[in-house]
Amino acid sequence: MNLIKNLLAKSGIAELARLTLTRSGRFALNLHGISSKRYANIPKDLQPHHSADEFRRVLSWLALRFNFLSVDEFLRTSKPGILVTFDDGHANNLTNALPILKEFNAQGLFFVSTQHVINPRDWLGFTRLEAKRGWGDESHVPEDFARDCFDGLSASHLAELAASPNAVIGAHTVTHPFLTQCAPDEVQREMEESKEYLEKLCKKPVDYFAYPYGNYNHTVAQAAQSVGFRTAFAVDTLHTGLPAYEIPRVGIYDSHPDYLNLKLSGLHRRPLREKILG
């Protein structure tokens, strides 16, 4: 598979496809944490996918090829371009990602899990696993790395992020579970409590939701609709009949131009062309 990807990138096929297949379409991109730097003595797979410099390179590449869309433009028009979204709600979304979005006059849609807003050191389950894998115990994670890469947004920092015109806040549950493995009442609680908590802190409606791990089915999508979200974002779309509640996204996990060209060529995922909300 890597051989095929390299061939598509190096041969120019991916770039040609992007120029032809994506000209009048749009993508939602899915990113996560943005660290302030690369940590030389820590394995790369324990660090966020992008450092600040790498994220800046991604946006520089995108700025030459796509329009940056606001959330409203992405959902309510058919204007071509890209929407940048972030999952989980780590503190580095404010400290490292937001300033770079401002440099490019781009807006980010930040999907926040509230467990680590209530207590930024009450890390989400997958973060705890990374801490255990890297250091054996959470208490052994270096303090500077923990603050930069693992901590959640504090309540005051979330309010600061929500006040920026370069940010829109969405919900991402309380504890970041696999929702298809939860009982229906638990799915409802995860959605409702996160929505209500975020709206109280941000002092504005929270209309958008993203499924943790991209994990959903028709029942989960119906729950997002019933709770009052206007849309929900997935990764891979299952086509369950609720298109506004299963918006596809392209995961961006590298900053190399060949990688970006292939991911956004239209060969990996076809761009959206119709507006999502009336």
C-alpha atoms as a PDB file:
ATOM      1  CA  MET A   1       0.000   0.000   0.000  1.00  0.00           C
ATOM      2  CA  ASN A   2       2.805   2.412   0.827  1.00  0.00           C
ATOM      3  CA  LEU A   3       4.342   1.662  -2.567  1.00  0.00           C
ATOM      4  CA  ILE A   4       1.097   2.625  -4.303  1.00  0.00           C
ATOM      5  CA  LYS A   5       0.813   5.817  -2.235  1.00  0.00           C
ATOM      6  CA  ASN A   6       4.402   6.770  -3.051  1.00  0.00           C
ATOM      7  CA  LEU A   7       3.787   6.124  -6.741  1.00  0.00           C
ATOM      8  CA  LEU A   8       0.658   8.299  -6.754  1.00  0.00           C
ATOM      9  CA  ALA A   9       2.508  11.103  -4.972  1.00  0.00           C
ATOM     10  CA  LYS A  10       5.798  11.016  -6.880  1.00  0.00           C
ATOM     11  CA  SER A  11       4.239  10.517 -10.310  1.00  0.00           C
ATOM     12  CA  GLY A  12       2.129  13.649 -10.043  1.00  0.00           C
ATOM     13  CA  ILE A  13      -1.123  11.650 -10.274  1.00  0.00           C
ATOM     14  CA  ALA A  14      -2.251  12.798  -6.815  1.00  0.00           C
ATOM     15  CA  GLU A  15      -1.644  16.451  -7.676  1.00  0.00           C
ATOM     16  CA  LEU A  16      -3.464  16.121 -10.997  1.00  0.00           C
ATOM     17  CA  ALA A  17      -6.374  14.427  -9.240  1.00  0.00           C
ATOM     18  CA  ARG A  18      -6.523  17.223  -6.670  1.00  0.00           C
ATOM     19  CA  LEU A  19      -6.615  19.865  -9.379  1.00  0.00           C
ATOM     20  CA  THR A  20      -9.454  18.121 -11.200  1.00  0.00           C
ATOM     21  CA  LEU A  21     -11.501  16.342  -8.523  1.00  0.00           C
ATOM     22  CA  THR A  22     -11.471  18.915  -5.720  1.00  0.00           C
ATOM     23  CA  ARG A  23     -11.808  22.187  -7.629  1.00  0.00           C
ATOM     24  CA  SER A  24     -15.455  22.777  -6.700  1.00  0.00           C
ATOM     25  CA  GLY A  25     -15.603  20.668  -3.528  1.00  0.00           C
ATOM     26  CA  ARG A  26     -14.762  20.992   0.128  1.00  0.00           C
ATOM     27  CA  PHE A  27     -13.283  18.913   2.914  1.00  0.00           C
ATOM     28  CA  ALA A  28     -13.471  18.905   6.685  1.00  0.00           C
ATOM     29  CA  LEU A  29     -10.047  18.109   8.128  1.00  0.00           C
ATOM     30  CA  ASN A  30      -9.617  16.284  11.434  1.00  0.00           C
ATOM     31  CA  LEU A  31      -6.660  17.177  13.673  1.00  0.00           C
ATOM     32  CA  HIS A  32      -6.013  16.695  17.379  1.00  0.00           C
ATOM     33  CA  GLY A  33      -3.338  18.117  19.665  1.00  0.00           C
ATOM     34  CA  ILE A  34      -0.631  20.569  18.585  1.00  0.00           C
ATOM     35  CA  SER A  35       2.506  20.498  20.740  1.00  0.00           C
ATOM     36  CA  SER A  36       4.751  23.528  21.113  1.00  0.00           C
ATOM     37  CA  LYS A  37       7.736  21.538  19.808  1.00  0.00           C
ATOM     38  CA  ARG A  38       9.095  18.075  19.105  1.00  0.00           C
ATOM     39  CA  TYR A  39      10.505  16.409  22.224  1.00  0.00           C
ATOM     40  CA  ALA A  40      13.774  14.759  21.254  1.00  0.00           C
ATOM     41  CA  ASN A  41      13.892  12.234  24.088  1.00  0.00           C
ATOM     42  CA  ILE A  42      10.252  11.092  23.897  1.00  0.00           C
ATOM     43  CA  PRO A  43       9.035   8.565  21.283  1.00  0.00           C
ATOM     44  CA  LYS A  44       7.185  10.288  18.466  1.00  0.00           C
ATOM     45  CA  ASP A  45       4.150   8.016  18.822  1.00  0.00           C
ATOM     46  CA  LEU A  46       3.576   9.410  22.339  1.00  0.00           C
ATOM     47  CA  GLN A  47       3.525  12.987  21.069  1.00  0.00           C
ATOM     48  CA  PRO A  48       0.754  14.822  19.188  1.00  0.00           C
ATOM     49  CA  HIS A  49       0.719  14.248  15.429  1.00  0.00           C
ATOM     50  CA  HIS A  50       1.846  17.845  14.842  1.00  0.00           C
ATOM     51  CA  SER A  51       4.125  20.310  16.529  1.00  0.00           C
ATOM     52  CA  ALA A  52       3.392  24.018  16.109  1.00  0.00           C
ATOM     53  CA  ASP A  53       5.946  24.298  13.296  1.00  0.00           C
ATOM     54  CA  GLU A  54       4.471  21.266  11.524  1.00  0.00           C
ATOM     55  CA  PHE A  55       0.937  22.612  11.875  1.00  0.00           C
ATOM     56  CA  ARG A  56       2.091  25.926  10.414  1.00  0.00           C
ATOM     57  CA  ARG A  57       3.551  24.023   7.449  1.00  0.00           C
ATOM     58  CA  VAL A  58       0.224  22.245   6.938  1.00  0.00           C
ATOM     59  CA  LEU A  59      -1.679  25.531   6.881  1.00  0.00           C
ATOM     60  CA  SER A  60       0.923  27.117   4.587  1.00  0.00           C
ATOM     61  CA  TRP A  61       0.472  24.261   2.131  1.00  0.00           C
ATOM     62  CA  LEU A  62      -3.308  24.489   2.368  1.00  0.00           C
ATOM     63  CA  ALA A  63      -3.374  28.277   1.962  1.00  0.00           C
ATOM     64  CA  LEU A  64      -1.817  28.005  -1.501  1.00  0.00           C
ATOM     65  CA  ARG A  65      -4.385  25.468  -2.708  1.00  0.00           C
ATOM     66  CA  PHE A  66      -7.679  25.900  -0.824  1.00  0.00           C
ATOM     67  CA  ASN A  67      -9.911  28.523   0.713  1.00  0.00           C
ATOM     68  CA  PHE A  68     -10.170  28.353   4.493  1.00  0.00           C
ATOM     69  CA  LEU A  69     -13.885  28.108   5.280  1.00  0.00           C
ATOM     70  CA  SER A  70     -15.689  29.247   8.397  1.00  0.00           C
ATOM     71  CA  VAL A  71     -18.060  26.780  10.029  1.00  0.00           C
ATOM     72  CA  ASP A  72     -21.049  28.629   8.587  1.00  0.00           C
ATOM     73  CA  GLU A  73     -19.552  28.649   5.091  1.00  0.00           C
ATOM     74  CA  PHE A  74     -18.784  24.947   5.272  1.00  0.00           C
ATOM     75  CA  LEU A  75     -22.244  23.941   6.485  1.00  0.00           C
ATOM     76  CA  ARG A  76     -24.541  26.480   4.862  1.00  0.00           C
ATOM     77  CA  THR A  77     -22.998  27.124   1.443  1.00  0.00           C
ATOM     78  CA  SER A  78     -21.446  25.118  -1.358  1.00  0.00           C
ATOM     79  CA  LYS A  79     -18.332  27.326  -1.423  1.00  0.00           C
ATOM     80  CA  PRO A  80     -15.246  25.178  -2.110  1.00  0.00           C
ATOM     81  CA  GLY A  81     -12.455  24.947   0.432  1.00  0.00           C
ATOM     82  CA  ILE A  82     -11.538  23.302   3.709  1.00  0.00           C
ATOM     83  CA  LEU A  83     -12.740  23.476   7.312  1.00  0.00           C
ATOM     84  CA  VAL A  84     -10.190  22.739  10.037  1.00  0.00           C
ATOM     85  CA  THR A  85     -11.533  20.749  12.997  1.00  0.00           C
ATOM     86  CA  PHE A  86      -9.836  19.547  16.188  1.00  0.00           C
ATOM     87  CA  ASP A  87     -10.935  16.728  18.472  1.00  0.00           C
ATOM     88  CA  ASP A  88     -10.627  16.228  22.237  1.00  0.00           C
ATOM     89  CA  GLY A  89     -10.014  19.704  23.657  1.00  0.00           C
ATOM     90  CA  HIS A  90      -6.426  19.675  24.830  1.00  0.00           C
ATOM     91  CA  ALA A  91      -4.944  22.828  26.333  1.00  0.00           C
ATOM     92  CA  ASN A  92      -2.585  23.112  23.390  1.00  0.00           C
ATOM     93  CA  ASN A  93      -5.539  23.902  21.129  1.00  0.00           C
ATOM     94  CA  LEU A  94      -5.577  27.340  22.755  1.00  0.00           C
ATOM     95  CA  THR A  95      -1.871  27.868  23.394  1.00  0.00           C
ATOM     96  CA  ASN A  96      -0.424  26.415  20.183  1.00  0.00           C
ATOM     97  CA  ALA A  97      -3.138  25.943  17.526  1.00  0.00           C
ATOM     98  CA  LEU A  98      -5.179  29.142  17.895  1.00  0.00           C
ATOM     99  CA  PRO A  99      -2.299  31.610  17.323  1.00  0.00           C
ATOM    100  CA  ILE A 100      -1.411  29.818  14.081  1.00  0.00           C
ATOM    101  CA  LEU A 101      -5.027  29.826  12.907  1.00  0.00           C
ATOM    102  CA  LYS A 102      -4.989  33.586  13.483  1.00  0.00           C
ATOM    103  CA  GLU A 103      -1.867  33.942  11.323  1.00  0.00           C
ATOM    104  CA  PHE A 104      -3.803  32.465   8.407  1.00  0.00           C
ATOM    105  CA  ASN A 105      -7.135  34.126   9.230  1.00  0.00           C
ATOM    106  CA  ALA A 106      -8.632  30.621   9.507  1.00  0.00           C
ATOM    107  CA  GLN A 107     -11.378  29.420  11.812  1.00  0.00           C
ATOM    108  CA  GLY A 108     -11.187  26.136  13.705  1.00  0.00           C
ATOM    109  CA  LEU A 109     -14.055  23.997  14.976  1.00  0.00           C
ATOM    110  CA  PHE A 110     -12.929  22.558  18.326  1.00  0.00           C
ATOM    111  CA  PHE A 111     -14.738  19.465  19.603  1.00  0.00           C
ATOM    112  CA  VAL A 112     -14.174  19.298  23.360  1.00  0.00           C
ATOM    113  CA  SER A 113     -14.558  16.382  25.775  1.00  0.00           C
ATOM    114  CA  THR A 114     -15.538  17.904  29.093  1.00  0.00           C
ATOM    115  CA  GLN A 115     -13.965  15.453  31.569  1.00  0.00           C
ATOM    116  CA  HIS A 116     -10.578  17.104  31.207  1.00  0.00           C
ATOM    117  CA  VAL A 117     -12.055  20.600  31.257  1.00  0.00           C
ATOM    118  CA  ILE A 118     -13.561  20.040  34.695  1.00  0.00           C
ATOM    119  CA  ASN A 119     -10.097  18.867  35.767  1.00  0.00           C
ATOM    120  CA  PRO A 120      -7.332  19.276  33.155  1.00  0.00           C
ATOM    121  CA  ARG A 121      -5.331  16.499  34.837  1.00  0.00           C
ATOM    122  CA  ASP A 122      -8.258  14.060  34.690  1.00  0.00           C
ATOM    123  CA  TRP A 123      -6.917  12.833  31.398  1.00  0.00           C
ATOM    124  CA  LEU A 124      -9.063  11.022  28.854  1.00  0.00           C
ATOM    125  CA  GLY A 125      -8.751   7.244  28.688  1.00  0.00           C
ATOM    126  CA  PHE A 126      -6.535   7.102  25.618  1.00  0.00           C
ATOM    127  CA  THR A 127      -4.216   9.719  27.138  1.00  0.00           C
ATOM    128  CA  ARG A 128      -3.906   7.644  30.308  1.00  0.00           C
ATOM    129  CA  LEU A 129      -2.953   4.651  28.183  1.00  0.00           C
ATOM    130  CA  GLU A 130      -0.261   6.686  26.434  1.00  0.00           C
ATOM    131  CA  ALA A 131       1.086   7.862  29.794  1.00  0.00           C
ATOM    132  CA  LYS A 132       1.199   4.289  31.090  1.00  0.00           C
ATOM    133  CA  ARG A 133       2.828   3.019  27.904  1.00  0.00           C
ATOM    134  CA  GLY A 134       5.501   5.698  27.969  1.00  0.00           C
ATOM    135  CA  TRP A 135       6.216   6.130  31.666  1.00  0.00           C
ATOM    136  CA  GLY A 136       4.494   3.279  33.515  1.00  0.00           C
ATOM    137  CA  ASP A 137       2.551   5.697  35.711  1.00  0.00           C
ATOM    138  CA  GLU A 138       0.913   9.079  35.128  1.00  0.00           C
ATOM    139  CA  SER A 139       2.928  10.645  37.936  1.00  0.00           C
ATOM    140  CA  HIS A 140       6.137   9.952  36.010  1.00  0.00           C
ATOM    141  CA  VAL A 141       5.180  12.004  32.936  1.00  0.00           C
ATOM    142  CA  PRO A 142       7.470  15.075  32.801  1.00  0.00           C
ATOM    143  CA  GLU A 143       5.571  18.154  33.932  1.00  0.00           C
ATOM    144  CA  ASP A 144       6.402  20.320  30.910  1.00  0.00           C
ATOM    145  CA  PHE A 145       5.347  17.554  28.526  1.00  0.00           C
ATOM    146  CA  ALA A 146       2.131  16.868  30.449  1.00  0.00           C
ATOM    147  CA  ARG A 147       1.103  20.541  30.318  1.00  0.00           C
ATOM    148  CA  ASP A 148       1.960  20.848  26.638  1.00  0.00           C
ATOM    149  CA  CYS A 149       0.606  17.562  25.305  1.00  0.00           C
ATOM    150  CA  PHE A 150      -1.747  15.763  27.709  1.00  0.00           C
ATOM    151  CA  ASP A 151      -3.658  18.332  29.805  1.00  0.00           C
ATOM    152  CA  GLY A 152      -7.164  19.401  28.897  1.00  0.00           C
ATOM    153  CA  LEU A 153      -8.312  22.984  28.486  1.00  0.00           C
ATOM    154  CA  SER A 154      -9.192  24.545  31.829  1.00  0.00           C
ATOM    155  CA  ALA A 155     -12.613  26.155  32.164  1.00  0.00           C
ATOM    156  CA  SER A 156     -11.129  29.650  31.896  1.00  0.00           C
ATOM    157  CA  HIS A 157      -9.026  28.689  28.879  1.00  0.00           C
ATOM    158  CA  LEU A 158     -12.057  27.160  27.176  1.00  0.00           C
ATOM    159  CA  ALA A 159     -13.971  30.406  27.683  1.00  0.00           C
ATOM    160  CA  GLU A 160     -11.021  32.294  26.189  1.00  0.00           C
ATOM    161  CA  LEU A 161     -10.958  29.972  23.175  1.00  0.00           C
ATOM    162  CA  ALA A 162     -14.722  30.287  22.692  1.00  0.00           C
ATOM    163  CA  ALA A 163     -14.476  34.086  22.693  1.00  0.00           C
ATOM    164  CA  SER A 164     -12.119  34.105  19.696  1.00  0.00           C
ATOM    165  CA  PRO A 165     -13.600  34.711  16.225  1.00  0.00           C
ATOM    166  CA  ASN A 166     -11.119  32.092  15.016  1.00  0.00           C
ATOM    167  CA  ALA A 167     -12.766  29.351  17.084  1.00  0.00           C
ATOM    168  CA  VAL A 168     -16.136  27.626  17.324  1.00  0.00           C
ATOM    169  CA  ILE A 169     -16.760  25.136  20.127  1.00  0.00           C
ATOM    170  CA  GLY A 170     -18.421  21.779  19.549  1.00  0.00           C
ATOM    171  CA  ALA A 171     -19.116  18.858  21.888  1.00  0.00           C
ATOM    172  CA  HIS A 172     -17.215  15.578  21.994  1.00  0.00           C
ATOM    173  CA  THR A 173     -18.941  13.839  24.955  1.00  0.00           C
ATOM    174  CA  VAL A 174     -17.840  13.872  28.590  1.00  0.00           C
ATOM    175  CA  THR A 175     -15.472  10.881  28.765  1.00  0.00           C
ATOM    176  CA  HIS A 176     -14.683  10.112  25.083  1.00  0.00           C
ATOM    177  CA  PRO A 177     -16.178   6.587  24.935  1.00  0.00           C
ATOM    178  CA  PHE A 178     -16.945   4.297  22.009  1.00  0.00           C
ATOM    179  CA  LEU A 179     -20.587   5.319  21.759  1.00  0.00           C
ATOM    180  CA  THR A 180     -21.760   2.214  19.924  1.00  0.00           C
ATOM    181  CA  GLN A 181     -20.638   0.205  22.964  1.00  0.00           C
ATOM    182  CA  CYS A 182     -22.680   2.331  25.398  1.00  0.00           C
ATOM    183  CA  ALA A 183     -26.241   1.772  26.540  1.00  0.00           C
ATOM    184  CA  PRO A 184     -28.754   4.220  25.016  1.00  0.00           C
ATOM    185  CA  ASP A 185     -29.178   6.165  28.263  1.00  0.00           C
ATOM    186  CA  GLU A 186     -25.391   6.505  28.567  1.00  0.00           C
ATOM    187  CA  VAL A 187     -25.124   7.822  24.999  1.00  0.00           C
ATOM    188  CA  GLN A 188     -27.810  10.376  25.836  1.00  0.00           C
ATOM    189  CA  ARG A 189     -26.051  11.403  29.063  1.00  0.00           C
ATOM    190  CA  GLU A 190     -22.635  11.773  27.381  1.00  0.00           C
ATOM    191  CA  MET A 191     -24.118  14.063  24.748  1.00  0.00           C
ATOM    192  CA  GLU A 192     -26.488  16.088  26.918  1.00  0.00           C
ATOM    193  CA  GLU A 193     -24.077  16.725  29.791  1.00  0.00           C
ATOM    194  CA  SER A 194     -21.250  17.804  27.511  1.00  0.00           C
ATOM    195  CA  LYS A 195     -23.524  20.112  25.527  1.00  0.00           C
ATOM    196  CA  GLU A 196     -25.009  21.741  28.632  1.00  0.00           C
ATOM    197  CA  TYR A 197     -21.635  22.168  30.356  1.00  0.00           C
ATOM    198  CA  LEU A 198     -20.010  23.720  27.294  1.00  0.00           C
ATOM    199  CA  GLU A 199     -22.916  26.084  26.693  1.00  0.00           C
ATOM    200  CA  LYS A 200     -22.756  27.276  30.297  1.00  0.00           C
ATOM    201  CA  LEU A 201     -19.018  27.964  30.059  1.00  0.00           C
ATOM    202  CA  CYS A 202     -19.002  29.431  26.562  1.00  0.00           C
ATOM    203  CA  LYS A 203     -22.205  31.432  27.006  1.00  0.00           C
ATOM    204  CA  LYS A 204     -23.377  30.533  23.507  1.00  0.00           C
ATOM    205  CA  PRO A 205     -25.123  27.590  21.813  1.00  0.00           C
ATOM    206  CA  VAL A 206     -23.087  24.461  21.117  1.00  0.00           C
ATOM    207  CA  ASP A 207     -24.680  23.149  17.946  1.00  0.00           C
ATOM    208  CA  TYR A 208     -22.063  20.738  16.606  1.00  0.00           C
ATOM    209  CA  PHE A 209     -20.883  17.319  17.750  1.00  0.00           C
ATOM    210  CA  ALA A 210     -18.140  14.874  16.779  1.00  0.00           C
ATOM    211  CA  TYR A 211     -18.203  11.154  17.548  1.00  0.00           C
ATOM    212  CA  PRO A 212     -15.188  10.021  19.628  1.00  0.00           C
ATOM    213  CA  TYR A 213     -12.973   7.736  17.549  1.00  0.00           C
ATOM    214  CA  GLY A 214     -15.392   8.412  14.655  1.00  0.00           C
ATOM    215  CA  ASN A 215     -17.486   5.619  16.209  1.00  0.00           C
ATOM    216  CA  TYR A 216     -21.217   5.807  15.510  1.00  0.00           C
ATOM    217  CA  ASN A 217     -24.200   4.017  13.975  1.00  0.00           C
ATOM    218  CA  HIS A 218     -27.753   5.036  13.076  1.00  0.00           C
ATOM    219  CA  THR A 219     -28.919   4.877  16.694  1.00  0.00           C
ATOM    220  CA  VAL A 220     -26.053   7.091  17.888  1.00  0.00           C
ATOM    221  CA  ALA A 221     -26.669   9.562  15.050  1.00  0.00           C
ATOM    222  CA  GLN A 222     -30.350   9.710  15.996  1.00  0.00           C
ATOM    223  CA  ALA A 223     -29.338  10.441  19.586  1.00  0.00           C
ATOM    224  CA  ALA A 224     -27.194  13.387  18.444  1.00  0.00           C
ATOM    225  CA  GLN A 225     -30.197  14.724  16.540  1.00  0.00           C
ATOM    226  CA  SER A 226     -32.579  14.239  19.475  1.00  0.00           C
ATOM    227  CA  VAL A 227     -30.243  16.013  21.930  1.00  0.00           C
ATOM    228  CA  GLY A 228     -30.412  19.121  19.745  1.00  0.00           C
ATOM    229  CA  PHE A 229     -27.163  19.191  17.799  1.00  0.00           C
ATOM    230  CA  ARG A 230     -27.559  20.714  14.340  1.00  0.00           C
ATOM    231  CA  THR A 231     -24.883  18.453  12.830  1.00  0.00           C
ATOM    232  CA  ALA A 232     -22.465  15.700  13.838  1.00  0.00           C
ATOM    233  CA  PHE A 233     -19.072  14.928  12.350  1.00  0.00           C
ATOM    234  CA  ALA A 234     -17.697  11.443  11.761  1.00  0.00           C
ATOM    235  CA  VAL A 235     -14.559  10.282   9.962  1.00  0.00           C
ATOM    236  CA  ASP A 236     -15.746   7.529   7.633  1.00  0.00           C
ATOM    237  CA  THR A 237     -19.400   7.903   6.666  1.00  0.00           C
ATOM    238  CA  LEU A 238     -21.706   4.905   7.118  1.00  0.00           C
ATOM    239  CA  HIS A 239     -24.574   6.397   5.038  1.00  0.00           C
ATOM    240  CA  THR A 240     -27.248   5.612   7.627  1.00  0.00           C
ATOM    241  CA  GLY A 241     -29.727   8.110   6.191  1.00  0.00           C
ATOM    242  CA  LEU A 242     -28.891  11.130   8.376  1.00  0.00           C
ATOM    243  CA  PRO A 243     -26.317  12.997   6.259  1.00  0.00           C
ATOM    244  CA  ALA A 244     -26.149  16.067   8.520  1.00  0.00           C
ATOM    245  CA  TYR A 245     -25.192  13.739  11.380  1.00  0.00           C
ATOM    246  CA  GLU A 246     -22.439  11.812   9.630  1.00  0.00           C
ATOM    247  CA  ILE A 247     -20.273  14.453   7.983  1.00  0.00           C
ATOM    248  CA  PRO A 248     -17.020  12.854   6.776  1.00  0.00           C
ATOM    249  CA  ARG A 249     -13.616  14.224   7.697  1.00  0.00           C
ATOM    250  CA  VAL A 250     -10.103  13.649   6.425  1.00  0.00           C
ATOM    251  CA  GLY A 251      -7.672  12.772   9.204  1.00  0.00           C
ATOM    252  CA  ILE A 252      -4.410  14.728   8.906  1.00  0.00           C
ATOM    253  CA  TYR A 253      -1.555  13.012  10.734  1.00  0.00           C
ATOM    254  CA  ASP A 254       1.528  14.257   8.870  1.00  0.00           C
ATOM    255  CA  SER A 255       2.789  17.506   7.371  1.00  0.00           C
ATOM    256  CA  HIS A 256       4.744  16.255   4.339  1.00  0.00           C
ATOM    257  CA  PRO A 257       3.503  17.790   1.051  1.00  0.00           C
ATOM    258  CA  ASP A 258       3.271  14.391  -0.678  1.00  0.00           C
ATOM    259  CA  TYR A 259       1.091  13.112   2.153  1.00  0.00           C
ATOM    260  CA  LEU A 260      -1.169  16.166   2.056  1.00  0.00           C
ATOM    261  CA  ASN A 261      -1.461  16.063  -1.725  1.00  0.00           C
ATOM    262  CA  LEU A 262      -2.582  12.443  -1.593  1.00  0.00           C
ATOM    263  CA  LYS A 263      -4.959  12.884   1.340  1.00  0.00           C
ATOM    264  CA  LEU A 264      -6.661  15.860  -0.337  1.00  0.00           C
ATOM    265  CA  SER A 265      -6.470  14.609  -3.923  1.00  0.00           C
ATOM    266  CA  GLY A 266     -10.056  13.391  -4.027  1.00  0.00           C
ATOM    267  CA  LEU A 267      -8.741   9.836  -4.406  1.00  0.00           C
ATOM    268  CA  HIS A 268      -8.652   9.188  -0.654  1.00  0.00           C
ATOM    269  CA  ARG A 269     -12.088  10.754  -0.080  1.00  0.00           C
ATOM    270  CA  ARG A 270     -14.339  12.551  -2.518  1.00  0.00           C
ATOM    271  CA  PRO A 271     -15.007  16.179  -1.579  1.00  0.00           C
ATOM    272  CA  LEU A 272     -18.423  17.380  -0.515  1.00  0.00           C
ATOM    273  CA  ARG A 273     -20.232  19.524  -3.057  1.00  0.00           C
ATOM    274  CA  GLU A 274     -23.745  20.171  -1.711  1.00  0.00           C
ATOM    275  CA  LYS A 275     -24.465  22.420   1.266  1.00  0.00           C
ATOM    276  CA  ILE A 276     -25.305  20.521   4.439  1.00  0.00           C
ATOM    277  CA  LEU A 277     -27.719  22.897   6.175  1.00  0.00           C
ATOM    278  CA  GLY A 278     -30.345  25.028   4.499  1.00  0.00           C
END
